[in-house]
């Protein structure tokens, strides 16, 4: 059976969850802008990619190469 300590722990956890939810809701959403040109090869990044992937810094080709390298060395 649950005792007073269990009820107290549940209440504390509920208050923590509420405080974290309120904090996350009040955070302003940072707007991340994409680069207009690839930081690696200096080729213009197409607008559809910049819209689909906010904050992108590389063109599709350079990003694909980076992803491939990371996947290869992650093993």
PDB file of N, CA and C in Angstrom:
ATOM      1  N   UNK A   1       0.830  -1.186   0.000  1.00  0.00           N
ATOM      2  CA  UNK A   1       0.000   0.000   0.000  1.00  0.00           C
ATOM      3  C   UNK A   1       0.875   1.251   0.000  1.00  0.00           C
ATOM      4  N   UNK A   2       0.331   2.277  -0.587  1.00  0.00           N
ATOM      5  CA  UNK A   2       1.042   3.546  -0.650  1.00  0.00           C
ATOM      6  C   UNK A   2       1.013   4.226   0.707  1.00  0.00           C
ATOM      7  N   UNK A   3       2.134   4.826   1.055  1.00  0.00           N
ATOM      8  CA  UNK A   3       2.184   5.550   2.315  1.00  0.00           C
ATOM      9  C   UNK A   3       2.374   7.045   2.046  1.00  0.00           C
ATOM     10  N   UNK A   4       2.559   7.799   3.094  1.00  0.00           N
ATOM     11  CA  UNK A   4       2.656   9.252   2.983  1.00  0.00           C
ATOM     12  C   UNK A   4       3.853   9.667   2.126  1.00  0.00           C
ATOM     13  N   UNK A   5       4.958   8.952   2.230  1.00  0.00           N
ATOM     14  CA  UNK A   5       6.148   9.290   1.443  1.00  0.00           C
ATOM     15  C   UNK A   5       5.882   9.130  -0.054  1.00  0.00           C
ATOM     16  N   UNK A   6       5.142   8.098  -0.429  1.00  0.00           N
ATOM     17  CA  UNK A   6       4.806   7.897  -1.842  1.00  0.00           C
ATOM     18  C   UNK A   6       3.939   9.045  -2.355  1.00  0.00           C
ATOM     19  N   UNK A   7       2.959   9.444  -1.579  1.00  0.00           N
ATOM     20  CA  UNK A   7       2.107  10.563  -1.988  1.00  0.00           C
ATOM     21  C   UNK A   7       2.920  11.849  -2.114  1.00  0.00           C
ATOM     22  N   UNK A   8       3.840  12.065  -1.174  1.00  0.00           N
ATOM     23  CA  UNK A   8       4.680  13.262  -1.215  1.00  0.00           C
ATOM     24  C   UNK A   8       5.567  13.251  -2.458  1.00  0.00           C
ATOM     25  N   UNK A   9       6.157  12.110  -2.760  1.00  0.00           N
ATOM     26  CA  UNK A   9       6.996  12.004  -3.961  1.00  0.00           C
ATOM     27  C   UNK A   9       6.189  12.263  -5.222  1.00  0.00           C
ATOM     28  N   UNK A  10       4.991  11.728  -5.292  1.00  0.00           N
ATOM     29  CA  UNK A  10       4.130  11.958  -6.459  1.00  0.00           C
ATOM     30  C   UNK A  10       3.794  13.433  -6.611  1.00  0.00           C
ATOM     31  N   UNK A  11       3.493  14.090  -5.469  1.00  0.00           N
ATOM     32  CA  UNK A  11       3.159  15.509  -5.508  1.00  0.00           C
ATOM     33  C   UNK A  11       4.355  16.343  -5.968  1.00  0.00           C
ATOM     34  N   UNK A  12       5.529  16.053  -5.448  1.00  0.00           N
ATOM     35  CA  UNK A  12       6.735  16.774  -5.840  1.00  0.00           C
ATOM     36  C   UNK A  12       7.015  16.583  -7.323  1.00  0.00           C
ATOM     37  N   UNK A  13       6.902  15.341  -7.801  1.00  0.00           N
ATOM     38  CA  UNK A  13       7.144  15.075  -9.220  1.00  0.00           C
ATOM     39  C   UNK A  13       6.147  15.814 -10.104  1.00  0.00           C
ATOM     40  N   UNK A  14       4.902  15.866  -9.670  1.00  0.00           N
ATOM     41  CA  UNK A  14       3.878  16.587 -10.433  1.00  0.00           C
ATOM     42  C   UNK A  14       4.205  18.078 -10.504  1.00  0.00           C
ATOM     43  N   UNK A  15       4.652  18.656  -9.411  1.00  0.00           N
ATOM     44  CA  UNK A  15       5.003  20.074  -9.384  1.00  0.00           C
ATOM     45  C   UNK A  15       6.221  20.348 -10.261  1.00  0.00           C
ATOM     46  N   UNK A  16       7.194  19.457 -10.225  1.00  0.00           N
ATOM     47  CA  UNK A  16       8.374  19.611 -11.085  1.00  0.00           C
ATOM     48  C   UNK A  16       7.972  19.560 -12.546  1.00  0.00           C
ATOM     49  N   UNK A  17       7.122  18.614 -12.901  1.00  0.00           N
ATOM     50  CA  UNK A  17       6.659  18.488 -14.285  1.00  0.00           C
ATOM     51  C   UNK A  17       5.916  19.742 -14.726  1.00  0.00           C
ATOM     52  N   UNK A  18       5.076  20.284 -13.845  1.00  0.00           N
ATOM     53  CA  UNK A  18       4.344  21.500 -14.178  1.00  0.00           C
ATOM     54  C   UNK A  18       5.292  22.681 -14.375  1.00  0.00           C
ATOM     55  N   UNK A  19       6.281  22.797 -13.515  1.00  0.00           N
ATOM     56  CA  UNK A  19       7.232  23.903 -13.621  1.00  0.00           C
ATOM     57  C   UNK A  19       8.044  23.802 -14.905  1.00  0.00           C
ATOM     58  N   UNK A  20       8.487  22.600 -15.243  1.00  0.00           N
ATOM     59  CA  UNK A  20       9.239  22.424 -16.491  1.00  0.00           C
ATOM     60  C   UNK A  20       8.384  22.712 -17.710  1.00  0.00           C
ATOM     61  N   UNK A  21       7.127  22.279 -17.680  1.00  0.00           N
ATOM     62  CA  UNK A  21       6.229  22.548 -18.806  1.00  0.00           C
ATOM     63  C   UNK A  21       6.001  24.046 -18.967  1.00  0.00           C
ATOM     64  N   UNK A  22       5.816  24.753 -17.853  1.00  0.00           N
ATOM     65  CA  UNK A  22       5.613  26.202 -17.919  1.00  0.00           C
ATOM     66  C   UNK A  22       6.863  26.896 -18.431  1.00  0.00           C
ATOM     67  N   UNK A  23       8.029  26.438 -17.997  1.00  0.00           N
ATOM     68  CA  UNK A  23       9.288  27.029 -18.444  1.00  0.00           C
ATOM     69  C   UNK A  23       9.487  26.820 -19.942  1.00  0.00           C
ATOM     70  N   UNK A  24       9.232  25.607 -20.420  1.00  0.00           N
ATOM     71  CA  UNK A  24       9.394  25.318 -21.851  1.00  0.00           C
ATOM     72  C   UNK A  24       8.390  26.087 -22.692  1.00  0.00           C
ATOM     73  N   UNK A  25       7.189  26.283 -22.179  1.00  0.00           N
ATOM     74  CA  UNK A  25       6.172  27.021 -22.924  1.00  0.00           C
ATOM     75  C   UNK A  25       6.516  28.502 -23.014  1.00  0.00           C
ATOM     76  N   UNK A  26       7.203  29.022 -22.006  1.00  0.00           N
ATOM     77  CA  UNK A  26       7.507  30.450 -22.003  1.00  0.00           C
ATOM     78  C   UNK A  26       8.774  30.793 -22.782  1.00  0.00           C
ATOM     79  N   UNK A  27       9.562  29.788 -23.126  1.00  0.00           N
ATOM     80  CA  UNK A  27      10.776  30.055 -23.894  1.00  0.00           C
ATOM     81  C   UNK A  27      10.405  30.583 -25.267  1.00  0.00           C
ATOM     82  N   UNK A  28      11.104  31.618 -25.677  1.00  0.00           N
ATOM     83  CA  UNK A  28      10.858  32.129 -27.019  1.00  0.00           C
ATOM     84  C   UNK A  28      11.498  31.178 -28.026  1.00  0.00           C
ATOM     85  N   UNK A  29      10.818  30.955 -29.061  1.00  0.00           N
ATOM     86  CA  UNK A  29      11.317  30.068 -30.106  1.00  0.00           C
ATOM     87  C   UNK A  29      12.345  30.820 -30.935  1.00  0.00           C
ATOM     88  N   UNK A  30      13.570  30.355 -30.917  1.00  0.00           N
ATOM     89  CA  UNK A  30      14.635  30.998 -31.675  1.00  0.00           C
ATOM     90  C   UNK A  30      14.449  30.695 -33.160  1.00  0.00           C
ATOM     91  N   UNK A  31      14.554  31.717 -33.955  1.00  0.00           N
ATOM     92  CA  UNK A  31      14.445  31.552 -35.393  1.00  0.00           C
ATOM     93  C   UNK A  31      15.834  31.252 -35.939  1.00  0.00           C
ATOM     94  N   UNK A  32      15.945  30.116 -36.600  1.00  0.00           N
ATOM     95  CA  UNK A  32      17.229  29.701 -37.145  1.00  0.00           C
ATOM     96  C   UNK A  32      17.208  29.965 -38.644  1.00  0.00           C
ATOM     97  N   UNK A  33      18.181  30.731 -39.097  1.00  0.00           N
ATOM     98  CA  UNK A  33      18.268  31.059 -40.510  1.00  0.00           C
ATOM     99  C   UNK A  33      19.285  30.158 -41.200  1.00  0.00           C
ATOM    100  N   UNK A  34      18.970  29.791 -42.409  1.00  0.00           N
ATOM    101  CA  UNK A  34      19.875  28.973 -43.203  1.00  0.00           C
ATOM    102  C   UNK A  34      20.863  29.854 -43.947  1.00  0.00           C
ATOM    103  N   UNK A  35      22.004  29.278 -44.286  1.00  0.00           N
ATOM    104  CA  UNK A  35      22.986  29.984 -45.093  1.00  0.00           C
ATOM    105  C   UNK A  35      22.486  30.074 -46.530  1.00  0.00           C
ATOM    106  N   UNK A  36      22.857  31.114 -47.233  1.00  0.00           N
ATOM    107  CA  UNK A  36      22.512  31.230 -48.647  1.00  0.00           C
ATOM    108  C   UNK A  36      23.491  30.447 -49.509  1.00  0.00           C
ATOM    109  N   UNK A  37      24.734  30.306 -49.014  1.00  0.00           N
ATOM    110  CA  UNK A  37      25.762  29.588 -49.755  1.00  0.00           C
ATOM    111  C   UNK A  37      26.360  28.510 -48.860  1.00  0.00           C
ATOM    112  N   UNK A  38      26.722  27.405 -49.471  1.00  0.00           N
ATOM    113  CA  UNK A  38      27.318  26.288 -48.756  1.00  0.00           C
ATOM    114  C   UNK A  38      28.623  26.733 -48.100  1.00  0.00           C
ATOM    115  N   UNK A  39      28.823  26.378 -46.837  1.00  0.00           N
ATOM    116  CA  UNK A  39      30.036  26.793 -46.146  1.00  0.00           C
ATOM    117  C   UNK A  39      31.251  25.995 -46.594  1.00  0.00           C
ATOM    118  N   UNK A  40      31.058  24.903 -47.310  1.00  0.00           N
ATOM    119  CA  UNK A  40      32.187  24.081 -47.739  1.00  0.00           C
ATOM    120  C   UNK A  40      32.596  24.341 -49.187  1.00  0.00           C
ATOM    121  N   UNK A  41      31.605  24.400 -50.085  1.00  0.00           N
ATOM    122  CA  UNK A  41      31.949  24.535 -51.507  1.00  0.00           C
ATOM    123  C   UNK A  41      31.500  25.862 -52.108  1.00  0.00           C
ATOM    124  N   UNK A  42      30.822  26.713 -51.324  1.00  0.00           N
ATOM    125  CA  UNK A  42      30.396  28.052 -51.752  1.00  0.00           C
ATOM    126  C   UNK A  42      29.359  28.043 -52.882  1.00  0.00           C
ATOM    127  N   UNK A  43      28.665  26.937 -53.068  1.00  0.00           N
ATOM    128  CA  UNK A  43      27.589  26.848 -54.053  1.00  0.00           C
ATOM    129  C   UNK A  43      26.307  27.362 -53.406  1.00  0.00           C
ATOM    130  N   UNK A  44      25.457  28.080 -54.139  1.00  0.00           N
ATOM    131  CA  UNK A  44      24.200  28.547 -53.544  1.00  0.00           C
ATOM    132  C   UNK A  44      23.328  27.370 -53.083  1.00  0.00           C
ATOM    133  N   UNK A  45      22.749  27.507 -51.893  1.00  0.00           N
ATOM    134  CA  UNK A  45      21.848  26.484 -51.369  1.00  0.00           C
ATOM    135  C   UNK A  45      20.452  26.809 -51.886  1.00  0.00           C
ATOM    136  N   UNK A  46      19.797  25.863 -52.555  1.00  0.00           N
ATOM    137  CA  UNK A  46      18.465  26.129 -53.116  1.00  0.00           C
ATOM    138  C   UNK A  46      17.448  26.502 -52.037  1.00  0.00           C
ATOM    139  N   UNK A  47      16.535  27.378 -52.388  1.00  0.00           N
ATOM    140  CA  UNK A  47      15.527  27.844 -51.439  1.00  0.00           C
ATOM    141  C   UNK A  47      14.679  26.708 -50.868  1.00  0.00           C
ATOM    142  N   UNK A  48      14.248  25.731 -51.682  1.00  0.00           N
ATOM    143  CA  UNK A  48      13.451  24.635 -51.091  1.00  0.00           C
ATOM    144  C   UNK A  48      14.199  23.896 -49.976  1.00  0.00           C
ATOM    145  N   UNK A  49      15.512  23.735 -50.124  1.00  0.00           N
ATOM    146  CA  UNK A  49      16.287  23.088 -49.057  1.00  0.00           C
ATOM    147  C   UNK A  49      16.336  23.973 -47.813  1.00  0.00           C
ATOM    148  N   UNK A  50      16.531  25.275 -48.008  1.00  0.00           N
ATOM    149  CA  UNK A  50      16.597  26.192 -46.866  1.00  0.00           C
ATOM    150  C   UNK A  50      15.281  26.235 -46.111  1.00  0.00           C
ATOM    151  N   UNK A  51      14.174  26.091 -46.846  1.00  0.00           N
ATOM    152  CA  UNK A  51      12.852  26.092 -46.212  1.00  0.00           C
ATOM    153  C   UNK A  51      12.600  24.762 -45.508  1.00  0.00           C
ATOM    154  N   UNK A  52      12.957  23.668 -46.162  1.00  0.00           N
ATOM    155  CA  UNK A  52      12.708  22.345 -45.597  1.00  0.00           C
ATOM    156  C   UNK A  52      13.625  22.028 -44.423  1.00  0.00           C
ATOM    157  N   UNK A  53      14.840  22.584 -44.432  1.00  0.00           N
ATOM    158  CA  UNK A  53      15.836  22.290 -43.396  1.00  0.00           C
ATOM    159  C   UNK A  53      16.348  23.599 -42.798  1.00  0.00           C
ATOM    160  N   UNK A  54      15.558  24.245 -41.927  1.00  0.00           N
ATOM    161  CA  UNK A  54      16.001  25.513 -41.348  1.00  0.00           C
ATOM    162  C   UNK A  54      17.326  25.346 -40.616  1.00  0.00           C
ATOM    163  N   UNK A  55      18.206  26.291 -40.826  1.00  0.00           N
ATOM    164  CA  UNK A  55      19.506  26.252 -40.173  1.00  0.00           C
ATOM    165  C   UNK A  55      20.564  25.479 -40.933  1.00  0.00           C
ATOM    166  N   UNK A  56      20.253  25.066 -42.154  1.00  0.00           N
ATOM    167  CA  UNK A  56      21.244  24.302 -42.915  1.00  0.00           C
ATOM    168  C   UNK A  56      22.410  25.211 -43.305  1.00  0.00           C
ATOM    169  N   UNK A  57      23.602  24.619 -43.331  1.00  0.00           N
ATOM    170  CA  UNK A  57      24.801  25.383 -43.665  1.00  0.00           C
ATOM    171  C   UNK A  57      25.510  24.813 -44.883  1.00  0.00           C
ATOM    172  N   UNK A  58      25.064  23.646 -45.350  1.00  0.00           N
ATOM    173  CA  UNK A  58      25.724  22.977 -46.477  1.00  0.00           C
ATOM    174  C   UNK A  58      24.702  22.637 -47.563  1.00  0.00           C
ATOM    175  N   UNK A  59      25.209  22.517 -48.774  1.00  0.00           N
ATOM    176  CA  UNK A  59      24.364  22.060 -49.874  1.00  0.00           C
ATOM    177  C   UNK A  59      24.094  20.562 -49.690  1.00  0.00           C
ATOM    178  N   UNK A  60      23.223  20.025 -50.489  1.00  0.00           N
ATOM    179  CA  UNK A  60      22.841  18.620 -50.355  1.00  0.00           C
ATOM    180  C   UNK A  60      24.041  17.701 -50.562  1.00  0.00           C
ATOM    181  N   UNK A  61      24.871  17.995 -51.544  1.00  0.00           N
ATOM    182  CA  UNK A  61      26.017  17.138 -51.840  1.00  0.00           C
ATOM    183  C   UNK A  61      27.007  17.106 -50.678  1.00  0.00           C
ATOM    184  N   UNK A  62      27.362  18.274 -50.154  1.00  0.00           N
ATOM    185  CA  UNK A  62      28.313  18.324 -49.043  1.00  0.00           C
ATOM    186  C   UNK A  62      27.723  17.689 -47.787  1.00  0.00           C
ATOM    187  N   UNK A  63      26.432  17.908 -47.543  1.00  0.00           N
ATOM    188  CA  UNK A  63      25.798  17.304 -46.380  1.00  0.00           C
ATOM    189  C   UNK A  63      25.758  15.791 -46.512  1.00  0.00           C
ATOM    190  N   UNK A  64      25.504  15.298 -47.717  1.00  0.00           N
ATOM    191  CA  UNK A  64      25.498  13.847 -47.939  1.00  0.00           C
ATOM    192  C   UNK A  64      26.876  13.251 -47.680  1.00  0.00           C
ATOM    193  N   UNK A  65      27.918  13.931 -48.135  1.00  0.00           N
ATOM    194  CA  UNK A  65      29.281  13.438 -47.885  1.00  0.00           C
ATOM    195  C   UNK A  65      29.595  13.432 -46.392  1.00  0.00           C
ATOM    196  N   UNK A  66      29.196  14.489 -45.683  1.00  0.00           N
ATOM    197  CA  UNK A  66      29.426  14.539 -44.241  1.00  0.00           C
ATOM    198  C   UNK A  66      28.681  13.423 -43.519  1.00  0.00           C
ATOM    199  N   UNK A  67      27.423  13.199 -43.907  1.00  0.00           N
ATOM    200  CA  UNK A  67      26.642  12.134 -43.287  1.00  0.00           C
ATOM    201  C   UNK A  67      27.271  10.775 -43.536  1.00  0.00           C
ATOM    202  N   UNK A  68      27.755  10.586 -44.747  1.00  0.00           N
ATOM    203  CA  UNK A  68      28.403   9.309 -45.091  1.00  0.00           C
ATOM    204  C   UNK A  68      29.654   9.108 -44.256  1.00  0.00           C
ATOM    205  N   UNK A  69      30.467  10.159 -44.102  1.00  0.00           N
ATOM    206  CA  UNK A  69      31.688  10.063 -43.307  1.00  0.00           C
ATOM    207  C   UNK A  69      31.368   9.775 -41.841  1.00  0.00           C
ATOM    208  N   UNK A  70      30.366  10.464 -41.303  1.00  0.00           N
ATOM    209  CA  UNK A  70      29.989  10.236 -39.901  1.00  0.00           C
ATOM    210  C   UNK A  70      29.490   8.814 -39.696  1.00  0.00           C
ATOM    211  N   UNK A  71      28.705   8.317 -40.643  1.00  0.00           N
ATOM    212  CA  UNK A  71      28.182   6.955 -40.510  1.00  0.00           C
ATOM    213  C   UNK A  71      29.329   5.941 -40.596  1.00  0.00           C
ATOM    214  N   UNK A  72      30.306   6.233 -41.409  1.00  0.00           N
ATOM    215  CA  UNK A  72      31.420   5.316 -41.581  1.00  0.00           C
ATOM    216  C   UNK A  72      32.301   5.262 -40.340  1.00  0.00           C
ATOM    217  N   UNK A  73      32.564   6.431 -39.742  1.00  0.00           N
ATOM    218  CA  UNK A  73      33.437   6.479 -38.584  1.00  0.00           C
ATOM    219  C   UNK A  73      32.715   6.269 -37.254  1.00  0.00           C
ATOM    220  N   UNK A  74      31.413   6.206 -37.276  1.00  0.00           N
ATOM    221  CA  UNK A  74      30.656   6.004 -36.048  1.00  0.00           C
ATOM    222  C   UNK A  74      30.724   4.570 -35.567  1.00  0.00           C
ATOM    223  N   UNK A  75      31.115   3.677 -36.426  1.00  0.00           N
ATOM    224  CA  UNK A  75      31.132   2.259 -36.066  1.00  0.00           C
ATOM    225  C   UNK A  75      32.192   1.951 -35.125  1.00  0.00           C
TER     226      UNK A  75
END
